[in-house]
PDB file of all heavy atoms in Angstrom:
ATOM      1  N   VAL A   1       4.501  15.187 -13.242  1.00  0.00           N
ATOM      2  CA  VAL A   1       4.438  13.731 -13.350  1.00  0.00           C
ATOM      3  C   VAL A   1       4.567  13.087 -11.977  1.00  0.00           C
ATOM      4  O   VAL A   1       3.771  12.207 -11.628  1.00  0.00           O
ATOM      5  CB  VAL A   1       5.519  13.199 -14.334  1.00  0.00           C
ATOM      6  CG1 VAL A   1       5.673  11.690 -14.206  1.00  0.00           C
ATOM      7  CG2 VAL A   1       5.194  13.590 -15.750  1.00  0.00           C
ATOM      8  N   GLY A   2       5.514  13.525 -11.180  1.00  0.00           N
ATOM      9  CA  GLY A   2       5.686  12.973  -9.833  1.00  0.00           C
ATOM     10  C   GLY A   2       4.473  13.183  -8.927  1.00  0.00           C
ATOM     11  O   GLY A   2       4.100  12.299  -8.166  1.00  0.00           O
ATOM     12  N   VAL A   3       3.874  14.378  -9.029  1.00  0.00           N
ATOM     13  CA  VAL A   3       2.686  14.654  -8.223  1.00  0.00           C
ATOM     14  C   VAL A   3       1.560  13.709  -8.593  1.00  0.00           C
ATOM     15  O   VAL A   3       0.887  13.129  -7.727  1.00  0.00           O
ATOM     16  CB  VAL A   3       2.245  16.138  -8.402  1.00  0.00           C
ATOM     17  CG1 VAL A   3       0.850  16.369  -7.850  1.00  0.00           C
ATOM     18  CG2 VAL A   3       3.241  17.068  -7.738  1.00  0.00           C
ATOM     19  N   ILE A   4       1.348  13.517  -9.894  1.00  0.00           N
ATOM     20  CA  ILE A   4       0.264  12.638 -10.336  1.00  0.00           C
ATOM     21  C   ILE A   4       0.574  11.182 -10.012  1.00  0.00           C
ATOM     22  O   ILE A   4      -0.288  10.423  -9.570  1.00  0.00           O
ATOM     23  CB  ILE A   4      -0.017  12.866 -11.823  1.00  0.00           C
ATOM     24  CG1 ILE A   4      -0.596  14.291 -12.010  1.00  0.00           C
ATOM     25  CG2 ILE A   4      -0.997  11.823 -12.361  1.00  0.00           C
ATOM     26  CD1 ILE A   4      -0.749  14.722 -13.430  1.00  0.00           C
ATOM     27  N   GLN A   5       1.804  10.779 -10.216  1.00  0.00           N
ATOM     28  CA  GLN A   5       2.202   9.408  -9.882  1.00  0.00           C
ATOM     29  C   GLN A   5       2.019   9.119  -8.403  1.00  0.00           C
ATOM     30  O   GLN A   5       1.633   8.014  -8.023  1.00  0.00           O
ATOM     31  CB  GLN A   5       3.674   9.148 -10.254  1.00  0.00           C
ATOM     32  CG  GLN A   5       3.904   8.982 -11.718  1.00  0.00           C
ATOM     33  CD  GLN A   5       5.396   8.789 -12.049  1.00  0.00           C
ATOM     34  OE1 GLN A   5       6.259   9.308 -11.364  1.00  0.00           O
ATOM     35  NE2 GLN A   5       5.647   8.029 -13.086  1.00  0.00           N
ATOM     36  N   SER A   6       2.263  10.082  -7.553  1.00  0.00           N
ATOM     37  CA  SER A   6       2.157   9.855  -6.105  1.00  0.00           C
ATOM     38  C   SER A   6       0.723   9.567  -5.684  1.00  0.00           C
ATOM     39  O   SER A   6       0.484   9.064  -4.588  1.00  0.00           O
ATOM     40  CB  SER A   6       2.684  11.073  -5.324  1.00  0.00           C
ATOM     41  OG  SER A   6       1.811  12.196  -5.440  1.00  0.00           O
ATOM     42  N   ARG A   7      -0.226   9.837  -6.555  1.00  0.00           N
ATOM     43  CA  ARG A   7      -1.644   9.584  -6.236  1.00  0.00           C
ATOM     44  C   ARG A   7      -2.198   8.388  -7.038  1.00  0.00           C
ATOM     45  O   ARG A   7      -3.389   8.217  -7.139  1.00  0.00           O
ATOM     46  CB  ARG A   7      -2.467  10.807  -6.600  1.00  0.00           C
ATOM     47  CG  ARG A   7      -1.962  12.104  -5.999  1.00  0.00           C
ATOM     48  CD  ARG A   7      -2.630  12.435  -4.712  1.00  0.00           C
ATOM     49  NE  ARG A   7      -2.279  13.793  -4.351  1.00  0.00           N
ATOM     50  CZ  ARG A   7      -1.986  14.151  -3.118  1.00  0.00           C
ATOM     51  NH1 ARG A   7      -1.990  13.269  -2.156  1.00  0.00           N
ATOM     52  NH2 ARG A   7      -1.668  15.387  -2.835  1.00  0.00           N
ATOM     53  N   CYS A   8      -1.312   7.548  -7.576  1.00  0.00           N
ATOM     54  CA  CYS A   8      -1.756   6.461  -8.462  1.00  0.00           C
ATOM     55  C   CYS A   8      -2.723   5.489  -7.815  1.00  0.00           C
ATOM     56  O   CYS A   8      -3.558   4.903  -8.489  1.00  0.00           O
ATOM     57  CB  CYS A   8      -0.582   5.743  -9.082  1.00  0.00           C
ATOM     58  SG  CYS A   8       0.372   4.716  -7.932  1.00  0.00           S
ATOM     59  N   SER A   9      -2.670   5.313  -6.523  1.00  0.00           N
ATOM     60  CA  SER A   9      -3.597   4.384  -5.877  1.00  0.00           C
ATOM     61  C   SER A   9      -5.020   4.908  -5.832  1.00  0.00           C
ATOM     62  O   SER A   9      -5.951   4.140  -5.559  1.00  0.00           O
ATOM     63  CB  SER A   9      -3.119   4.074  -4.440  1.00  0.00           C
ATOM     64  OG  SER A   9      -3.194   5.251  -3.639  1.00  0.00           O
ATOM     65  N   THR A  10      -5.209   6.176  -6.163  1.00  0.00           N
ATOM     66  CA  THR A  10      -6.570   6.739  -6.203  1.00  0.00           C
ATOM     67  C   THR A  10      -6.993   7.154  -7.628  1.00  0.00           C
ATOM     68  O   THR A  10      -8.042   7.751  -7.776  1.00  0.00           O
ATOM     69  CB  THR A  10      -6.720   7.924  -5.229  1.00  0.00           C
ATOM     70  OG1 THR A  10      -5.745   8.930  -5.570  1.00  0.00           O
ATOM     71  CG2 THR A  10      -6.535   7.499  -3.802  1.00  0.00           C
ATOM     72  N   TRP A  11      -6.168   6.841  -8.641  1.00  0.00           N
ATOM     73  CA  TRP A  11      -6.605   7.132 -10.011  1.00  0.00           C
ATOM     74  C   TRP A  11      -7.890   6.395 -10.314  1.00  0.00           C
ATOM     75  O   TRP A  11      -8.013   5.210 -10.031  1.00  0.00           O
ATOM     76  CB  TRP A  11      -5.571   6.669 -11.025  1.00  0.00           C
ATOM     77  CG  TRP A  11      -4.277   7.430 -11.046  1.00  0.00           C
ATOM     78  CD1 TRP A  11      -3.941   8.561 -10.385  1.00  0.00           C
ATOM     79  CD2 TRP A  11      -3.117   7.062 -11.807  1.00  0.00           C
ATOM     80  NE1 TRP A  11      -2.657   8.927 -10.677  1.00  0.00           N
ATOM     81  CE2 TRP A  11      -2.116   8.028 -11.556  1.00  0.00           C
ATOM     82  CE3 TRP A  11      -2.841   6.024 -12.692  1.00  0.00           C
ATOM     83  CZ2 TRP A  11      -0.869   7.989 -12.131  1.00  0.00           C
ATOM     84  CZ3 TRP A  11      -1.565   5.975 -13.254  1.00  0.00           C
ATOM     85  CH2 TRP A  11      -0.595   6.959 -13.003  1.00  0.00           C
ATOM     86  N   ASN A  12      -8.839   7.084 -10.915  1.00  0.00           N
ATOM     87  CA  ASN A  12     -10.081   6.462 -11.324  1.00  0.00           C
ATOM     88  C   ASN A  12     -10.273   6.563 -12.822  1.00  0.00           C
ATOM     89  O   ASN A  12     -10.612   5.603 -13.478  1.00  0.00           O
ATOM     90  CB  ASN A  12     -11.278   7.094 -10.590  1.00  0.00           C
ATOM     91  CG  ASN A  12     -12.596   6.537 -11.005  1.00  0.00           C
ATOM     92  OD1 ASN A  12     -13.346   7.184 -11.713  1.00  0.00           O
ATOM     93  ND2 ASN A  12     -12.891   5.328 -10.559  1.00  0.00           N
ATOM     94  N   ARG A  13     -10.055   7.766 -13.331  1.00  0.00           N
ATOM     95  CA  ARG A  13     -10.199   8.007 -14.779  1.00  0.00           C
ATOM     96  C   ARG A  13      -9.046   8.876 -15.250  1.00  0.00           C
ATOM     97  O   ARG A  13      -8.810   9.940 -14.681  1.00  0.00           O
ATOM     98  CB  ARG A  13     -11.536   8.698 -15.066  1.00  0.00           C
ATOM     99  CG  ARG A  13     -11.826   8.896 -16.517  1.00  0.00           C
ATOM    100  CD  ARG A  13     -13.190   9.549 -16.737  1.00  0.00           C
ATOM    101  NE  ARG A  13     -13.224  10.897 -16.209  1.00  0.00           N
ATOM    102  CZ  ARG A  13     -12.952  11.994 -16.929  1.00  0.00           C
ATOM    103  NH1 ARG A  13     -12.647  11.903 -18.182  1.00  0.00           N
ATOM    104  NH2 ARG A  13     -13.011  13.183 -16.370  1.00  0.00           N
ATOM    105  N   LEU A  14      -8.337   8.411 -16.263  1.00  0.00           N
ATOM    106  CA  LEU A  14      -7.260   9.172 -16.848  1.00  0.00           C
ATOM    107  C   LEU A  14      -7.577   9.444 -18.315  1.00  0.00           C
ATOM    108  O   LEU A  14      -7.954   8.525 -19.046  1.00  0.00           O
ATOM    109  CB  LEU A  14      -5.919   8.423 -16.775  1.00  0.00           C
ATOM    110  CG  LEU A  14      -5.363   8.071 -15.411  1.00  0.00           C
ATOM    111  CD1 LEU A  14      -4.105   7.255 -15.558  1.00  0.00           C
ATOM    112  CD2 LEU A  14      -5.074   9.335 -14.610  1.00  0.00           C
ATOM    113  N   GLU A  15      -7.427  10.682 -18.717  1.00  0.00           N
ATOM    114  CA  GLU A  15      -7.539  11.046 -20.117  1.00  0.00           C
ATOM    115  C   GLU A  15      -6.262  11.832 -20.435  1.00  0.00           C
ATOM    116  O   GLU A  15      -6.036  12.903 -19.894  1.00  0.00           O
ATOM    117  CB  GLU A  15      -8.795  11.893 -20.349  1.00  0.00           C
ATOM    118  CG  GLU A  15      -9.007  12.253 -21.779  1.00  0.00           C
ATOM    119  CD  GLU A  15     -10.272  13.061 -22.008  1.00  0.00           C
ATOM    120  OE1 GLU A  15     -11.060  13.236 -21.059  1.00  0.00           O
ATOM    121  OE2 GLU A  15     -10.470  13.537 -23.127  1.00  0.00           O
ATOM    122  N   LEU A  16      -5.439  11.269 -21.313  1.00  0.00           N
ATOM    123  CA  LEU A  16      -4.092  11.818 -21.519  1.00  0.00           C
ATOM    124  C   LEU A  16      -3.812  12.061 -23.009  1.00  0.00           C
ATOM    125  O   LEU A  16      -3.986  11.164 -23.831  1.00  0.00           O
ATOM    126  CB  LEU A  16      -3.053  10.865 -20.970  1.00  0.00           C
ATOM    127  CG  LEU A  16      -3.274  10.381 -19.517  1.00  0.00           C
ATOM    128  CD1 LEU A  16      -2.335   9.249 -19.173  1.00  0.00           C
ATOM    129  CD2 LEU A  16      -3.123  11.548 -18.549  1.00  0.00           C
ATOM    130  N   SER A  17      -3.378  13.235 -23.343  1.00  0.00           N
ATOM    131  CA  SER A  17      -2.949  13.575 -24.680  1.00  0.00           C
ATOM    132  C   SER A  17      -1.749  14.489 -24.510  1.00  0.00           C
ATOM    133  O   SER A  17      -1.899  15.672 -24.176  1.00  0.00           O
ATOM    134  CB  SER A  17      -4.047  14.276 -25.463  1.00  0.00           C
ATOM    135  OG  SER A  17      -3.565  14.665 -26.726  1.00  0.00           O
ATOM    136  N   MET A  18      -0.537  13.911 -24.675  1.00  0.00           N
ATOM    137  CA  MET A  18       0.672  14.679 -24.386  1.00  0.00           C
ATOM    138  C   MET A  18       1.876  14.130 -25.145  1.00  0.00           C
ATOM    139  O   MET A  18       1.761  13.102 -25.807  1.00  0.00           O
ATOM    140  CB  MET A  18       0.938  14.636 -22.875  1.00  0.00           C
ATOM    141  CG  MET A  18       1.211  13.230 -22.368  1.00  0.00           C
ATOM    142  SD  MET A  18       1.283  13.121 -20.584  1.00  0.00           S
ATOM    143  CE  MET A  18      -0.388  13.431 -20.140  1.00  0.00           C
ATOM    144  N   ALA A  19       2.992  14.809 -24.998  1.00  0.00           N
ATOM    145  CA  ALA A  19       4.212  14.360 -25.636  1.00  0.00           C
ATOM    146  C   ALA A  19       4.580  12.963 -25.163  1.00  0.00           C
ATOM    147  O   ALA A  19       4.327  12.574 -24.012  1.00  0.00           O
ATOM    148  CB  ALA A  19       5.357  15.330 -25.285  1.00  0.00           C
ATOM    149  N   ARG A  20       5.147  12.189 -26.058  1.00  0.00           N
ATOM    150  CA  ARG A  20       5.479  10.790 -25.780  1.00  0.00           C
ATOM    151  C   ARG A  20       6.332  10.642 -24.512  1.00  0.00           C
ATOM    152  O   ARG A  20       6.078   9.790 -23.690  1.00  0.00           O
ATOM    153  CB  ARG A  20       6.206  10.199 -26.978  1.00  0.00           C
ATOM    154  CG  ARG A  20       6.606   8.743 -26.829  1.00  0.00           C
ATOM    155  CD  ARG A  20       7.303   8.271 -28.104  1.00  0.00           C
ATOM    156  NE  ARG A  20       7.290   6.856 -28.234  1.00  0.00           N
ATOM    157  CZ  ARG A  20       6.295   6.121 -28.731  1.00  0.00           C
ATOM    158  NH1 ARG A  20       5.208   6.708 -29.127  1.00  0.00           N
ATOM    159  NH2 ARG A  20       6.385   4.814 -28.828  1.00  0.00           N
ATOM    160  N   LYS A  21       7.354  11.477 -24.327  1.00  0.00           N
ATOM    161  CA  LYS A  21       8.226  11.356 -23.171  1.00  0.00           C
ATOM    162  C   LYS A  21       7.440  11.558 -21.881  1.00  0.00           C
ATOM    163  O   LYS A  21       7.573  10.772 -20.926  1.00  0.00           O
ATOM    164  CB  LYS A  21       9.371  12.361 -23.238  1.00  0.00           C
ATOM    165  CG  LYS A  21      10.323  12.236 -22.013  1.00  0.00           C
ATOM    166  CD  LYS A  21      11.377  13.284 -22.004  1.00  0.00           C
ATOM    167  CE  LYS A  21      12.331  13.218 -20.861  1.00  0.00           C
ATOM    168  NZ  LYS A  21      11.783  12.841 -19.563  1.00  0.00           N
ATOM    169  N   SER A  22       6.571  12.570 -21.818  1.00  0.00           N
ATOM    170  CA  SER A  22       5.771  12.804 -20.604  1.00  0.00           C
ATOM    171  C   SER A  22       4.824  11.641 -20.361  1.00  0.00           C
ATOM    172  O   SER A  22       4.647  11.201 -19.221  1.00  0.00           O
ATOM    173  CB  SER A  22       4.966  14.089 -20.745  1.00  0.00           C
ATOM    174  OG  SER A  22       5.795  15.221 -20.707  1.00  0.00           O
ATOM    175  N   LEU A  23       4.250  11.094 -21.414  1.00  0.00           N
ATOM    176  CA  LEU A  23       3.342   9.971 -21.282  1.00  0.00           C
ATOM    177  C   LEU A  23       4.054   8.738 -20.750  1.00  0.00           C
ATOM    178  O   LEU A  23       3.591   8.091 -19.816  1.00  0.00           O
ATOM    179  CB  LEU A  23       2.686   9.662 -22.640  1.00  0.00           C
ATOM    180  CG  LEU A  23       1.642   8.549 -22.629  1.00  0.00           C
ATOM    181  CD1 LEU A  23       0.465   8.909 -21.733  1.00  0.00           C
ATOM    182  CD2 LEU A  23       1.164   8.284 -24.038  1.00  0.00           C
ATOM    183  N   VAL A  24       5.210   8.434 -21.310  1.00  0.00           N
ATOM    184  CA  VAL A  24       6.015   7.290 -20.872  1.00  0.00           C
ATOM    185  C   VAL A  24       6.425   7.486 -19.400  1.00  0.00           C
ATOM    186  O   VAL A  24       6.320   6.554 -18.583  1.00  0.00           O
ATOM    187  CB  VAL A  24       7.232   7.062 -21.780  1.00  0.00           C
ATOM    188  CG1 VAL A  24       8.202   6.059 -21.163  1.00  0.00           C
ATOM    189  CG2 VAL A  24       6.785   6.601 -23.150  1.00  0.00           C
ATOM    190  N   ASP A  25       6.871   8.688 -19.036  1.00  0.00           N
ATOM    191  CA  ASP A  25       7.257   8.972 -17.652  1.00  0.00           C
ATOM    192  C   ASP A  25       6.065   8.780 -16.713  1.00  0.00           C
ATOM    193  O   ASP A  25       6.182   8.133 -15.665  1.00  0.00           O
ATOM    194  CB  ASP A  25       7.785  10.394 -17.515  1.00  0.00           C
ATOM    195  CG  ASP A  25       9.155  10.583 -18.144  1.00  0.00           C
ATOM    196  OD1 ASP A  25       9.812   9.583 -18.489  1.00  0.00           O
ATOM    197  OD2 ASP A  25       9.547  11.774 -18.326  1.00  0.00           O
ATOM    198  N   LEU A  26       4.926   9.318 -17.069  1.00  0.00           N
ATOM    199  CA  LEU A  26       3.737   9.233 -16.225  1.00  0.00           C
ATOM    200  C   LEU A  26       3.290   7.801 -16.027  1.00  0.00           C
ATOM    201  O   LEU A  26       2.984   7.370 -14.908  1.00  0.00           O
ATOM    202  CB  LEU A  26       2.600  10.070 -16.811  1.00  0.00           C
ATOM    203  CG  LEU A  26       1.310  10.065 -16.006  1.00  0.00           C
ATOM    204  CD1 LEU A  26       1.518  10.708 -14.654  1.00  0.00           C
ATOM    205  CD2 LEU A  26       0.213  10.797 -16.777  1.00  0.00           C
ATOM    206  N   LEU A  27       3.270   7.041 -17.098  1.00  0.00           N
ATOM    207  CA  LEU A  27       2.763   5.661 -17.020  1.00  0.00           C
ATOM    208  C   LEU A  27       3.816   4.652 -16.589  1.00  0.00           C
ATOM    209  O   LEU A  27       3.521   3.460 -16.570  1.00  0.00           O
ATOM    210  CB  LEU A  27       2.117   5.278 -18.351  1.00  0.00           C
ATOM    211  CG  LEU A  27       0.916   6.151 -18.747  1.00  0.00           C
ATOM    212  CD1 LEU A  27       0.344   5.711 -20.081  1.00  0.00           C
ATOM    213  CD2 LEU A  27      -0.169   6.114 -17.679  1.00  0.00           C
ATOM    214  N   SER A  28       4.993   5.099 -16.232  1.00  0.00           N
ATOM    215  CA  SER A  28       6.032   4.182 -15.771  1.00  0.00           C
ATOM    216  C   SER A  28       5.816   3.755 -14.306  1.00  0.00           C
ATOM    217  O   SER A  28       6.506   2.889 -13.804  1.00  0.00           O
ATOM    218  CB  SER A  28       7.430   4.804 -15.912  1.00  0.00           C
ATOM    219  OG  SER A  28       7.573   5.892 -14.992  1.00  0.00           O
ATOM    220  N   VAL A  29       4.890   4.378 -13.622  1.00  0.00           N
ATOM    221  CA  VAL A  29       4.621   4.053 -12.221  1.00  0.00           C
ATOM    222  C   VAL A  29       4.030   2.661 -12.134  1.00  0.00           C
ATOM    223  O   VAL A  29       3.260   2.225 -12.978  1.00  0.00           O
ATOM    224  CB  VAL A  29       3.679   5.120 -11.586  1.00  0.00           C
ATOM    225  CG1 VAL A  29       2.291   5.065 -12.185  1.00  0.00           C
ATOM    226  CG2 VAL A  29       3.591   4.961 -10.106  1.00  0.00           C
ATOM    227  N   GLU A  30       4.453   1.948 -11.105  1.00  0.00           N
ATOM    228  CA  GLU A  30       3.910   0.625 -10.859  1.00  0.00           C
ATOM    229  C   GLU A  30       2.699   0.713  -9.941  1.00  0.00           C
ATOM    230  O   GLU A  30       2.666   1.556  -9.058  1.00  0.00           O
ATOM    231  CB  GLU A  30       4.972  -0.286 -10.225  1.00  0.00           C
ATOM    232  CG  GLU A  30       6.135  -0.551 -11.149  1.00  0.00           C
ATOM    233  CD  GLU A  30       7.146  -1.518 -10.563  1.00  0.00           C
ATOM    234  OE1 GLU A  30       6.777  -2.279  -9.639  1.00  0.00           O
ATOM    235  OE2 GLU A  30       8.293  -1.472 -10.987  1.00  0.00           O
TER     236      GLU A  30
END
């Protein structure tokens, strides 16, 4: 989650299907 969050300024397309906790953690980045 931290690795992916650290690249949030370059996210272009996200396709996510995962446990609720991981999803909430990942999408908590501002």
